[in-house]
Amino acid sequence: MSTSTLNRRGFLALTGAAGIGIGLGLAGCTPAGSSSGSLSGTSLAILPSTAPSSWNTVLAQANKQLQKDHGFTLNTQFINWQNYGQQALLKFTAGAKFDTALQALWLNMAQLQQSHSLADLTNEIDKWPNLKKQLSSQLIESNKWSGKLWGIPQVNSAARLQHFSIRKDLADKLGFSDIQDYDTLEKYFYDVKQKEVGVTPFGVASNQTFELVLGTPSGLFNQHSWQNPTEAYVAQFAGSGLWFVFDEKAAEEGKVKLVPLWEDEGVLGAFKKIRQYYQDGIINADGLNAENATIQAQFTAGKYAGQWAITDGTASNALVALKKAVPTAELAEVLPYGGDITSVKPLQTFQADNLVVVNANGGNVERALALQDWLSIEKNHDLIEYGIEGKDWEATSDGGIKQLSDYSFPGYALLWRSSLERKSSFMTESEKKVFAWAQDYGNFTKSAYASFIPDVTPVKQAAAQMNNVITQYANPLYYGVTDVDSQLDKLKKAADSAGLSQLQAEMEKQANAYLKAQKK
């Protein structure tokens, strides 16, 4: 994700929607007794996006029970996505007092771990029965770094793949009832531009950046990566902003082959497509500075015919507000691999896009874990994630949820638990199919670099210099606001001066060591 949306990864990425998954329920759970009444104070959580409507009311109700169960209260600080990565990093490095925050490899997690800013949670999960019940052993093992667990993974599916969520009603109207390949998707965008007055084909946001051109396995506008979803793995040194593209086939043979993103065939093609989309009005002209929440709001107002999504079961949530603006609106999820999604096995690392980390220098580990345990109980989880039952939501007969208000909490940043996430009553048939497919580890190809975490320490100075280069010269390419060839020349020259050769050599050295270790 995505500093993306998240988006891709992101996420990433990377959205402000509440998590919607499959609600199985754990009504019989009780809080971990070992800490009840033994903790005090306030557990401050640093979260992305904006506070939900009626958040103060929900928080007051939650704190009444939390105080009774554990002797402390919860407080939150929301930071908009555009500023979250930098401001969260500064809070850690400045020694601010807070317990938890959202972190990820696409944010600053590796950098924070390497600077001893994160608490080691390897031996903590077993102490908290409700939390332990919600985290499968496979999930925990997939998210350990060299045998250590540095964050609580927030997932509701096995795989996380960014993709396109489009207006199905418009696609049907324009003759695109079944979009399975990138060329057809592109034709849909251009038909929208030509025939739907006042509707921009696709909305991009400032937090998506690199996700628009690359990912594991596919960059959003990288047609080559959609057609070859097992070909490439991507990685960066934390804080550098510079992504390297690895040849997956070479890795399977024990060899390391990597290039900086601008030397990858698919990325170059994506840069050129995005530039054309910008010039043709296929994407919004303000994407470089547009806040993700603003793009989402405009999408639900009917201003866009598509937006970023990920396989977490939340894309259909947009229908709640969208149908108020456009009563006939429908949504469909498009992963343009060139055929039915069940015919491909895209590359995955199975690492969580998002993790809740504990502040090692200004937080309380026991209090943070007590909160995570408390949030692993169905009634507590539902209150924070969905709001007040009967006012913000109501349960459906199948254990799902019908939303009654616009309450939207970023559950992926604090309390996603696969078996507690409720499936939205608004989930489309299209998303049901995609979401079910994403649940099964067997539907995907595990990358040879699945647990590879580059250590920035040997190249920390060069990484910091490179980050400035990427911000100045690569970000405009991600959004198509400048000529590709001339901007690439500037990017390459600046990258060379900032230490590209040093970063690339160190990345190759660490990747070789990783592959050799995997053979032992």
Protein backbone atom coordinates (compact mmCIF):
# COMPACT_ATOMS: atom_id res chain seq x y z
CA MET A 1 0.00 0.00 0.00
CA SER A 2 0.43 2.64 -0.16
CA THR A 3 1.72 5.99 1.73
CA SER A 4 -1.23 5.13 0.37
CA THR A 5 -4.36 4.70 0.45
CA LEU A 6 -3.17 3.41 1.61
CA ASN A 7 -3.70 1.93 -1.14
CA ARG A 8 -1.36 -0.80 -1.82
CA ARG A 9 -0.67 -1.64 -0.47
CA GLY A 10 -1.18 -0.53 0.23
CA PHE A 11 -2.82 0.21 1.07
CA LEU A 12 -2.48 0.87 0.68
CA ALA A 13 -3.57 1.16 1.60
CA LEU A 14 -4.57 2.85 2.98
CA THR A 15 -8.23 4.17 3.26
CA GLY A 16 -10.43 5.67 5.92
CA ALA A 17 -13.17 3.08 5.57
CA ALA A 18 -14.16 0.90 8.51
CA GLY A 19 -13.06 -2.72 8.20
CA ILE A 20 -15.79 -5.06 7.04
CA GLY A 21 -15.10 -8.78 7.04
CA ILE A 22 -16.76 -11.94 8.28
CA GLY A 23 -18.45 -11.79 11.66
CA LEU A 24 -18.22 -15.07 13.51
CA GLY A 25 -18.54 -13.66 17.00
CA LEU A 26 -16.88 -14.41 20.33
CA ALA A 27 -19.60 -13.41 22.73
CA GLY A 28 -18.35 -15.66 25.50
CA CYS A 29 -14.91 -14.06 25.90
CA THR A 30 -13.92 -12.25 29.06
CA PRO A 31 -11.19 -9.68 29.60
CA ALA A 32 -7.77 -10.95 30.60
CA GLY A 33 -7.98 -11.04 34.37
CA SER A 34 -4.31 -10.51 35.01
CA SER A 35 -4.45 -6.76 34.43
CA SER A 36 -7.95 -5.90 35.61
CA GLY A 37 -7.68 -2.97 37.98
CA SER A 38 -3.87 -3.01 37.88
CA LEU A 39 -3.42 -0.41 35.17
CA SER A 40 -4.20 3.29 35.16
CA GLY A 41 -3.96 6.44 33.10
CA THR A 42 -4.81 6.80 29.42
CA SER A 43 -3.70 4.71 26.48
CA LEU A 44 -3.11 7.14 23.61
CA ALA A 45 -3.37 5.66 20.10
CA ILE A 46 -2.01 7.55 17.09
CA LEU A 47 -4.30 6.92 14.12
CA PRO A 48 -4.52 8.01 10.48
CA SER A 49 -7.52 9.66 8.79
CA THR A 50 -10.11 11.70 10.66
CA ALA A 51 -12.27 11.03 13.70
CA PRO A 52 -15.62 9.39 12.87
CA SER A 53 -18.84 11.28 13.32
CA SER A 54 -20.12 10.88 16.91
CA TRP A 55 -16.66 9.64 17.95
CA ASN A 56 -16.80 11.40 21.32
CA THR A 57 -20.04 9.63 22.17
CA VAL A 58 -18.66 6.24 21.17
CA LEU A 59 -15.40 6.82 23.01
CA ALA A 60 -17.18 7.84 26.22
CA GLN A 61 -19.25 4.65 26.15
CA ALA A 62 -16.18 2.52 25.44
CA ASN A 63 -14.15 4.14 28.21
CA LYS A 64 -16.84 3.47 30.77
CA GLN A 65 -16.44 -0.26 30.17
CA LEU A 66 -12.66 -0.14 29.65
CA GLN A 67 -12.18 1.68 32.95
CA LYS A 68 -14.29 -0.96 34.68
CA ASP A 69 -12.45 -3.88 33.07
CA HIS A 70 -8.85 -2.65 33.17
CA GLY A 71 -8.62 0.57 35.13
CA PHE A 72 -7.56 2.89 32.30
CA THR A 73 -9.12 4.78 29.39
CA LEU A 74 -8.47 5.16 25.69
CA ASN A 75 -7.72 8.39 23.85
CA THR A 76 -6.94 8.88 20.18
CA GLN A 77 -5.08 11.38 18.06
CA PHE A 78 -6.11 11.39 14.40
CA ILE A 79 -3.67 12.70 11.78
CA ASN A 80 -4.76 13.14 8.17
CA TRP A 81 -3.15 10.72 5.72
CA GLN A 82 -1.19 13.41 3.92
CA ASN A 83 0.80 14.12 7.09
CA TYR A 84 0.55 10.83 8.97
CA GLY A 85 3.82 9.19 7.96
CA GLN A 86 6.06 12.13 8.84
CA GLN A 87 4.21 13.23 11.97
CA ALA A 88 4.00 9.71 13.40
CA LEU A 89 7.72 9.26 12.79
CA LEU A 90 8.49 12.52 14.56
CA LYS A 91 6.46 11.46 17.59
CA PHE A 92 8.58 8.32 17.96
CA THR A 93 11.89 10.08 17.45
CA ALA A 94 10.96 12.94 19.79
CA GLY A 95 10.11 10.56 22.64
CA ALA A 96 6.44 11.56 22.76
CA LYS A 97 4.20 9.83 25.30
CA PHE A 98 1.76 7.47 23.60
CA ASP A 99 1.16 3.73 23.64
CA THR A 100 0.40 2.63 20.09
CA ALA A 101 0.40 3.75 16.48
CA LEU A 102 -0.25 2.36 13.03
CA GLN A 103 2.97 1.40 11.28
CA ALA A 104 3.94 -0.59 8.21
CA LEU A 105 6.81 -1.32 5.88
CA TRP A 106 5.36 1.24 3.48
CA LEU A 107 5.54 3.78 6.31
CA ASN A 108 8.51 3.86 8.72
CA MET A 109 8.31 0.57 10.59
CA ALA A 110 11.68 -0.85 9.55
CA GLN A 111 13.41 2.42 10.41
CA LEU A 112 11.70 2.54 13.81
CA GLN A 113 12.58 -1.07 14.59
CA GLN A 114 16.20 -0.52 13.66
CA SER A 115 16.38 2.57 15.88
CA HIS A 116 14.95 0.63 18.88
CA SER A 117 11.75 2.68 18.94
CA LEU A 118 9.40 -0.32 18.91
CA ALA A 119 8.66 -2.72 21.76
CA ASP A 120 9.42 -6.38 21.13
CA LEU A 121 6.08 -8.22 21.29
CA THR A 122 7.40 -11.72 20.58
CA ASN A 123 6.61 -13.06 24.05
CA GLU A 124 3.60 -10.86 24.77
CA ILE A 125 0.75 -12.36 22.74
CA ASP A 126 0.52 -15.56 24.81
CA LYS A 127 -0.24 -13.49 27.93
CA TRP A 128 -3.52 -12.20 26.50
CA PRO A 129 -6.05 -14.99 25.78
CA ASN A 130 -8.62 -12.98 23.82
CA LEU A 131 -5.98 -11.49 21.54
CA LYS A 132 -4.20 -14.81 21.09
CA LYS A 133 -7.42 -16.49 20.03
CA GLN A 134 -7.83 -13.95 17.24
CA LEU A 135 -4.32 -14.23 15.76
CA SER A 136 -3.52 -17.43 13.90
CA SER A 137 -0.06 -18.92 14.28
CA GLN A 138 0.44 -18.63 10.51
CA LEU A 139 -0.33 -14.92 10.67
CA ILE A 140 2.11 -14.38 13.52
CA GLU A 141 4.91 -16.34 11.86
CA SER A 142 4.43 -14.53 8.53
CA ASN A 143 4.92 -11.20 10.27
CA LYS A 144 8.01 -11.97 12.33
CA TRP A 145 11.30 -10.36 11.38
CA SER A 146 14.23 -12.69 12.06
CA GLY A 147 12.11 -14.48 14.64
CA LYS A 148 10.88 -11.32 16.39
CA LEU A 149 7.38 -9.80 16.37
CA TRP A 150 7.40 -5.99 16.31
CA GLY A 151 3.73 -5.30 15.75
CA ILE A 152 0.27 -6.83 15.89
CA PRO A 153 -0.82 -7.57 12.31
CA GLN A 154 -4.12 -6.04 11.25
CA VAL A 155 -5.64 -8.20 8.53
CA ASN A 156 -8.93 -9.67 7.44
CA SER A 157 -7.70 -11.78 4.51
CA ALA A 158 -4.70 -13.85 3.46
CA ALA A 159 -3.75 -11.62 0.53
CA ARG A 160 -3.89 -7.87 0.01
CA LEU A 161 -4.04 -6.72 -3.59
CA GLN A 162 -4.77 -3.18 -4.71
CA HIS A 163 -7.17 -2.83 -7.59
CA PHE A 164 -9.90 -0.71 -9.18
CA SER A 165 -13.36 -0.18 -7.71
CA ILE A 166 -15.53 1.15 -10.52
CA ARG A 167 -19.08 2.35 -11.09
CA LYS A 168 -20.77 -0.81 -12.40
CA ASP A 169 -23.88 1.12 -13.36
CA LEU A 170 -21.82 3.30 -15.70
CA ALA A 171 -19.85 0.31 -17.01
CA ASP A 172 -23.10 -1.53 -17.85
CA LYS A 173 -24.56 1.58 -19.47
CA LEU A 174 -21.46 2.00 -21.65
CA GLY A 175 -21.24 -1.66 -22.64
CA PHE A 176 -18.51 -2.87 -20.27
CA SER A 177 -20.39 -5.40 -18.17
CA ASP A 178 -17.40 -7.70 -17.59
CA ILE A 179 -13.96 -6.08 -17.42
CA GLN A 180 -11.15 -8.61 -17.02
CA ASP A 181 -8.19 -7.02 -18.82
CA TYR A 182 -6.42 -3.67 -18.70
CA ASP A 183 -7.19 -2.63 -22.29
CA THR A 184 -10.92 -2.97 -21.68
CA LEU A 185 -10.64 -1.09 -18.41
CA GLU A 186 -8.83 1.74 -20.18
CA LYS A 187 -11.55 1.89 -22.85
CA TYR A 188 -14.12 2.19 -20.06
CA PHE A 189 -12.25 5.17 -18.61
CA TYR A 190 -12.12 6.94 -21.98
CA ASP A 191 -15.81 6.26 -22.68
CA VAL A 192 -16.69 7.78 -19.31
CA LYS A 193 -14.66 10.86 -20.18
CA GLN A 194 -16.38 11.25 -23.52
CA LYS A 195 -19.96 10.41 -22.57
CA GLU A 196 -20.51 11.16 -18.87
CA VAL A 197 -20.58 14.91 -18.29
CA GLY A 198 -19.23 16.01 -14.92
CA VAL A 199 -17.68 12.62 -14.08
CA THR A 200 -13.91 12.12 -13.96
CA PRO A 201 -13.02 8.51 -14.84
CA PHE A 202 -10.69 7.84 -11.88
CA GLY A 203 -9.71 9.63 -8.68
CA VAL A 204 -6.16 9.47 -7.32
CA ALA A 205 -4.98 10.80 -3.95
CA SER A 206 -1.70 12.16 -2.62
CA ASN A 207 -1.04 9.17 -0.35
CA GLN A 208 -0.94 6.66 -3.22
CA THR A 209 2.36 7.77 -4.85
CA PHE A 210 4.40 4.65 -5.78
CA GLU A 211 1.37 2.36 -5.60
CA LEU A 212 0.18 3.86 -8.85
CA VAL A 213 3.15 2.35 -10.70
CA LEU A 214 4.44 -0.66 -8.74
CA GLY A 215 3.69 -3.20 -6.07
CA THR A 216 3.90 -6.86 -5.17
CA PRO A 217 2.52 -7.95 -7.54
CA SER A 218 0.89 -5.07 -9.45
CA GLY A 219 1.07 -1.29 -9.69
CA LEU A 220 -2.34 0.24 -10.28
CA PHE A 221 -1.60 1.72 -13.73
CA ASN A 222 1.22 -0.72 -14.54
CA GLN A 223 -0.32 -2.83 -17.31
CA HIS A 224 2.74 -5.07 -17.58
CA SER A 225 2.48 -6.02 -13.91
CA TRP A 226 -1.18 -6.97 -14.28
CA GLN A 227 -0.27 -9.22 -17.19
CA ASN A 228 2.68 -10.73 -15.28
CA PRO A 229 1.57 -10.96 -11.61
CA THR A 230 4.29 -13.39 -10.49
CA GLU A 231 7.23 -11.58 -12.09
CA ALA A 232 8.39 -8.93 -9.63
CA TYR A 233 8.88 -8.20 -5.94
CA VAL A 234 9.57 -4.67 -4.70
CA ALA A 235 11.44 -3.37 -1.66
CA GLN A 236 12.99 -0.17 -0.33
CA PHE A 237 15.27 0.95 2.47
CA ALA A 238 13.10 2.55 5.14
CA GLY A 239 13.02 6.30 4.81
CA SER A 240 14.55 6.34 1.32
CA GLY A 241 11.41 6.40 -0.83
CA LEU A 242 13.41 4.56 -3.50
CA TRP A 243 11.88 1.28 -4.58
CA PHE A 244 13.89 -1.47 -6.20
CA VAL A 245 12.20 -4.01 -8.46
CA PHE A 246 13.46 -7.60 -8.01
CA ASP A 247 13.27 -10.37 -10.61
CA GLU A 248 11.32 -13.13 -8.86
CA LYS A 249 12.36 -15.86 -11.29
CA ALA A 250 16.03 -15.10 -10.68
CA ALA A 251 15.44 -15.30 -6.92
CA GLU A 252 13.92 -18.75 -7.29
CA GLU A 253 17.27 -19.77 -8.80
CA GLY A 254 19.13 -18.22 -5.87
CA LYS A 255 20.25 -15.14 -7.79
CA VAL A 256 19.58 -11.48 -7.05
CA LYS A 257 18.59 -9.26 -9.96
CA LEU A 258 17.24 -5.82 -9.17
CA VAL A 259 16.89 -2.36 -10.70
CA PRO A 260 15.69 1.02 -9.41
CA LEU A 261 12.02 1.52 -10.26
CA TRP A 262 12.65 3.80 -13.27
CA GLU A 263 14.60 1.05 -15.05
CA ASP A 264 11.71 -1.41 -14.86
CA GLU A 265 9.76 -1.89 -18.11
CA GLY A 266 6.38 -1.91 -16.44
CA VAL A 267 7.04 1.20 -14.35
CA LEU A 268 8.22 3.17 -17.38
CA GLY A 269 5.05 2.20 -19.18
CA ALA A 270 2.99 3.25 -16.17
CA PHE A 271 4.68 6.67 -16.02
CA LYS A 272 3.76 7.27 -19.65
CA LYS A 273 0.18 6.07 -19.17
CA ILE A 274 -0.32 8.29 -16.14
CA ARG A 275 1.04 11.29 -18.01
CA GLN A 276 -1.42 10.60 -20.83
CA TYR A 277 -4.26 10.13 -18.32
CA TYR A 278 -3.39 13.47 -16.73
CA GLN A 279 -3.39 15.25 -20.07
CA ASP A 280 -6.61 13.57 -21.22
CA GLY A 281 -8.48 14.20 -17.98
CA ILE A 282 -8.79 10.50 -17.13
CA ILE A 283 -7.44 11.20 -13.64
CA ASN A 284 -7.90 14.31 -11.51
CA ALA A 285 -5.34 17.05 -12.05
CA ASP A 286 -4.88 17.69 -8.30
CA GLY A 287 -3.87 14.15 -7.33
CA LEU A 288 -0.41 15.18 -6.15
CA ASN A 289 -1.98 17.24 -3.35
CA ALA A 290 -5.46 15.75 -2.99
CA GLU A 291 -6.29 14.32 0.45
CA ASN A 292 -7.54 10.73 0.34
CA ALA A 293 -10.66 11.58 2.35
CA THR A 294 -11.51 14.30 -0.17
CA ILE A 295 -11.27 11.89 -3.11
CA GLN A 296 -13.42 9.36 -1.30
CA ALA A 297 -16.03 12.00 -0.53
CA GLN A 298 -16.10 13.12 -4.15
CA PHE A 299 -16.40 9.51 -5.31
CA THR A 300 -19.43 8.94 -3.09
CA ALA A 301 -20.88 12.19 -4.42
CA GLY A 302 -20.79 10.70 -7.92
CA LYS A 303 -17.88 12.80 -9.21
CA TYR A 304 -15.64 9.84 -10.13
CA ALA A 305 -16.24 6.60 -12.03
CA GLY A 306 -13.54 4.69 -10.17
CA GLN A 307 -11.27 4.77 -7.15
CA TRP A 308 -8.47 2.80 -5.48
CA ALA A 309 -9.44 -0.31 -3.51
CA ILE A 310 -7.83 -3.29 -1.85
CA THR A 311 -9.02 -6.85 -1.22
CA ASP A 312 -10.16 -6.25 2.37
CA GLY A 313 -13.92 -6.34 1.83
CA THR A 314 -14.45 -2.61 2.40
CA ALA A 315 -14.92 -1.21 -1.11
CA SER A 316 -18.69 -1.76 -1.09
CA ASN A 317 -19.00 0.47 1.98
CA ALA A 318 -18.91 3.44 -0.37
CA LEU A 319 -22.37 2.47 -1.62
CA VAL A 320 -23.97 3.77 1.56
CA ALA A 321 -23.18 7.38 0.73
CA LEU A 322 -22.96 6.91 -3.05
CA LYS A 323 -26.56 5.74 -3.35
CA LYS A 324 -27.73 8.86 -1.55
CA ALA A 325 -26.14 10.96 -4.30
CA VAL A 326 -26.82 8.52 -7.16
CA PRO A 327 -29.68 6.13 -6.25
CA THR A 328 -28.99 3.86 -9.24
CA ALA A 329 -25.26 3.52 -8.54
CA GLU A 330 -23.61 0.09 -8.32
CA LEU A 331 -20.00 -0.96 -7.80
CA ALA A 332 -17.74 -3.67 -9.23
CA GLU A 333 -14.20 -4.70 -8.32
CA VAL A 334 -11.76 -5.02 -11.21
CA LEU A 335 -8.43 -6.87 -11.06
CA PRO A 336 -7.39 -6.81 -14.74
CA TYR A 337 -5.21 -9.91 -14.90
CA GLY A 338 -6.61 -10.80 -18.32
CA GLY A 339 -9.06 -13.45 -17.19
CA ASP A 340 -11.03 -14.67 -14.21
CA ILE A 341 -9.14 -14.09 -10.96
CA THR A 342 -9.23 -17.79 -10.16
CA SER A 343 -7.05 -18.44 -13.21
CA VAL A 344 -3.99 -16.67 -11.74
CA LYS A 345 -1.92 -17.04 -8.56
CA PRO A 346 -0.45 -13.56 -7.95
CA LEU A 347 2.71 -13.06 -5.94
CA GLN A 348 2.34 -12.33 -2.21
CA THR A 349 4.54 -12.08 0.87
CA PHE A 350 1.62 -12.57 3.30
CA GLN A 351 3.03 -9.81 5.47
CA ALA A 352 0.36 -7.51 6.88
CA ASP A 353 0.10 -4.11 5.23
CA ASN A 354 -0.76 -2.58 8.60
CA LEU A 355 0.46 -3.33 12.13
CA VAL A 356 -0.24 -1.83 15.53
CA VAL A 357 3.12 -1.13 17.14
CA VAL A 358 3.92 -0.21 20.75
CA ASN A 359 6.08 2.78 21.56
CA ALA A 360 9.17 1.39 23.32
CA ASN A 361 10.34 4.70 24.77
CA GLY A 362 7.18 6.55 25.68
CA GLY A 363 4.49 3.90 25.97
CA ASN A 364 3.22 1.26 28.37
CA VAL A 365 3.48 -2.22 26.86
CA GLU A 366 1.13 -3.92 29.34
CA ARG A 367 -1.53 -1.24 28.91
CA ALA A 368 -1.21 -1.38 25.13
CA LEU A 369 -1.62 -5.17 25.10
CA ALA A 370 -4.51 -4.99 27.57
CA LEU A 371 -6.27 -2.65 25.14
CA GLN A 372 -5.59 -4.99 22.22
CA ASP A 373 -6.97 -7.88 24.27
CA TRP A 374 -10.05 -5.86 25.21
CA LEU A 375 -10.63 -4.98 21.57
CA SER A 376 -10.52 -8.68 20.73
CA ILE A 377 -13.87 -9.17 22.45
CA GLU A 378 -16.80 -8.89 20.05
CA LYS A 379 -18.90 -6.29 21.86
CA ASN A 380 -15.92 -4.00 22.45
CA HIS A 381 -14.60 -4.45 18.93
CA ASP A 382 -18.02 -3.71 17.42
CA LEU A 383 -18.50 -0.56 19.48
CA ILE A 384 -15.22 1.03 18.40
CA GLU A 385 -15.26 -0.15 14.80
CA TYR A 386 -18.94 0.25 13.92
CA GLY A 387 -20.28 2.71 16.48
CA ILE A 388 -23.38 2.46 18.62
CA GLU A 389 -25.64 -0.45 17.78
CA GLY A 390 -29.11 0.68 16.77
CA LYS A 391 -27.86 4.16 15.89
CA ASP A 392 -24.84 3.62 13.65
CA TRP A 393 -25.43 -0.01 12.68
CA GLU A 394 -27.50 -3.11 13.19
CA ALA A 395 -26.63 -6.78 12.88
CA THR A 396 -28.03 -8.81 10.01
CA SER A 397 -29.38 -12.33 10.34
CA ASP A 398 -26.17 -13.83 8.98
CA GLY A 399 -23.93 -12.01 11.48
CA GLY A 400 -23.10 -9.19 9.10
CA ILE A 401 -23.80 -5.49 9.44
CA LYS A 402 -26.18 -2.93 8.02
CA GLN A 403 -24.82 0.59 8.34
CA LEU A 404 -27.28 3.20 9.54
CA SER A 405 -25.02 6.25 9.64
CA ASP A 406 -21.80 7.59 8.11
CA TYR A 407 -19.74 6.48 11.14
CA SER A 408 -16.39 5.27 9.75
CA PHE A 409 -13.49 4.20 11.97
CA PRO A 410 -10.04 3.19 10.58
CA GLY A 411 -10.21 -0.28 12.09
CA TYR A 412 -7.16 -1.43 10.14
CA ALA A 413 -5.09 0.91 12.36
CA LEU A 414 -6.16 -0.47 15.74
CA LEU A 415 -8.44 -3.51 15.90
CA TRP A 416 -8.85 -5.60 12.77
CA ARG A 417 -9.48 -9.22 13.76
CA SER A 418 -10.34 -11.59 10.89
CA SER A 419 -13.07 -13.51 12.69
CA LEU A 420 -14.70 -10.39 14.17
CA GLU A 421 -14.97 -8.28 11.03
CA ARG A 422 -18.59 -8.15 9.92
CA LYS A 423 -19.50 -8.46 6.27
CA SER A 424 -21.41 -5.42 5.08
CA SER A 425 -24.99 -5.90 3.93
CA PHE A 426 -23.98 -3.62 1.07
CA MET A 427 -21.17 -5.92 -0.13
CA THR A 428 -21.63 -6.46 -3.83
CA GLU A 429 -21.55 -9.84 -5.51
CA SER A 430 -18.39 -8.69 -7.26
CA GLU A 431 -16.63 -7.91 -3.99
CA LYS A 432 -17.91 -11.08 -2.32
CA LYS A 433 -16.15 -13.09 -5.01
CA VAL A 434 -12.90 -11.13 -4.72
CA PHE A 435 -12.95 -11.15 -0.92
CA ALA A 436 -13.58 -14.90 -0.72
CA TRP A 437 -10.73 -15.53 -3.18
CA ALA A 438 -8.37 -13.37 -1.10
CA GLN A 439 -9.05 -15.44 2.05
CA ASP A 440 -7.25 -18.54 0.79
CA TYR A 441 -3.44 -18.69 1.02
CA GLY A 442 -3.54 -21.40 -1.63
CA ASN A 443 -4.72 -18.94 -4.27
CA PHE A 444 -1.38 -17.10 -4.26
CA THR A 445 2.31 -17.60 -4.97
CA LYS A 446 4.63 -16.96 -2.03
CA SER A 447 7.53 -14.68 -2.94
CA ALA A 448 11.10 -15.90 -2.51
CA TYR A 449 11.60 -12.62 -0.61
CA ALA A 450 8.56 -13.11 1.64
CA SER A 451 10.29 -12.19 4.92
CA PHE A 452 13.09 -10.01 3.56
CA ILE A 453 13.38 -6.75 5.55
CA PRO A 454 16.23 -4.49 4.31
CA ASP A 455 18.28 -2.87 7.08
CA VAL A 456 18.82 0.83 6.40
CA THR A 457 21.53 1.26 9.05
CA PRO A 458 24.57 0.91 6.74
CA VAL A 459 23.14 3.46 4.27
CA LYS A 460 21.09 5.67 6.55
CA GLN A 461 22.58 8.95 5.30
CA ALA A 462 22.16 8.05 1.65
CA ALA A 463 18.59 6.91 2.32
CA ALA A 464 17.70 10.27 3.87
CA GLN A 465 19.19 12.12 0.90
CA MET A 466 17.37 9.88 -1.54
CA ASN A 467 14.04 10.53 0.15
CA ASN A 468 14.34 14.21 -0.73
CA VAL A 469 15.13 13.28 -4.33
CA ILE A 470 12.12 11.00 -4.63
CA THR A 471 9.79 13.61 -3.16
CA GLN A 472 11.04 16.30 -5.53
CA TYR A 473 11.48 14.33 -8.73
CA ALA A 474 9.53 11.04 -8.56
CA ASN A 475 6.29 12.22 -6.99
CA PRO A 476 5.39 14.41 -9.99
CA LEU A 477 5.86 11.34 -12.23
CA TYR A 478 3.48 9.29 -10.10
CA TYR A 479 0.70 11.79 -10.88
CA GLY A 480 1.57 12.70 -14.47
CA VAL A 481 2.02 16.41 -13.85
CA THR A 482 5.23 16.72 -15.86
CA ASP A 483 6.86 15.44 -19.03
CA VAL A 484 8.15 11.91 -18.42
CA ASP A 485 11.46 11.94 -20.32
CA SER A 486 12.76 15.26 -19.04
CA GLN A 487 11.65 14.49 -15.48
CA LEU A 488 13.30 11.07 -15.58
CA ASP A 489 16.57 12.72 -16.60
CA LYS A 490 16.35 15.01 -13.58
CA LEU A 491 15.43 12.10 -11.30
CA LYS A 492 18.33 9.91 -12.47
CA LYS A 493 20.92 12.68 -12.11
CA ALA A 494 19.68 13.62 -8.66
CA ALA A 495 19.55 9.96 -7.59
CA ASP A 496 23.12 9.39 -8.73
CA SER A 497 24.28 12.36 -6.67
CA ALA A 498 22.30 11.20 -3.63
CA GLY A 499 24.00 7.81 -3.49
CA LEU A 500 22.05 5.47 -5.79
CA SER A 501 25.03 3.19 -6.38
CA GLN A 502 25.60 2.81 -2.64
CA LEU A 503 21.95 2.00 -1.96
CA GLN A 504 21.72 -0.46 -4.83
CA ALA A 505 24.93 -2.26 -3.85
CA GLU A 506 23.81 -2.58 -0.23
CA MET A 507 20.34 -3.79 -1.24
CA GLU A 508 21.89 -6.43 -3.47
CA LYS A 509 24.30 -7.49 -0.70
CA GLN A 510 21.49 -7.91 1.85
CA ALA A 511 19.22 -9.69 -0.62
CA ASN A 512 21.99 -12.17 -1.45
CA ALA A 513 22.56 -12.85 2.24
CA TYR A 514 18.83 -13.37 2.72
CA LEU A 515 18.51 -15.86 -0.13
CA LYS A 516 21.54 -17.81 1.09
CA ALA A 517 20.08 -17.95 4.61
CA GLN A 518 16.80 -19.29 3.25
CA LYS A 519 18.60 -22.28 1.78
CA LYS A 520 20.04 -23.36 5.15
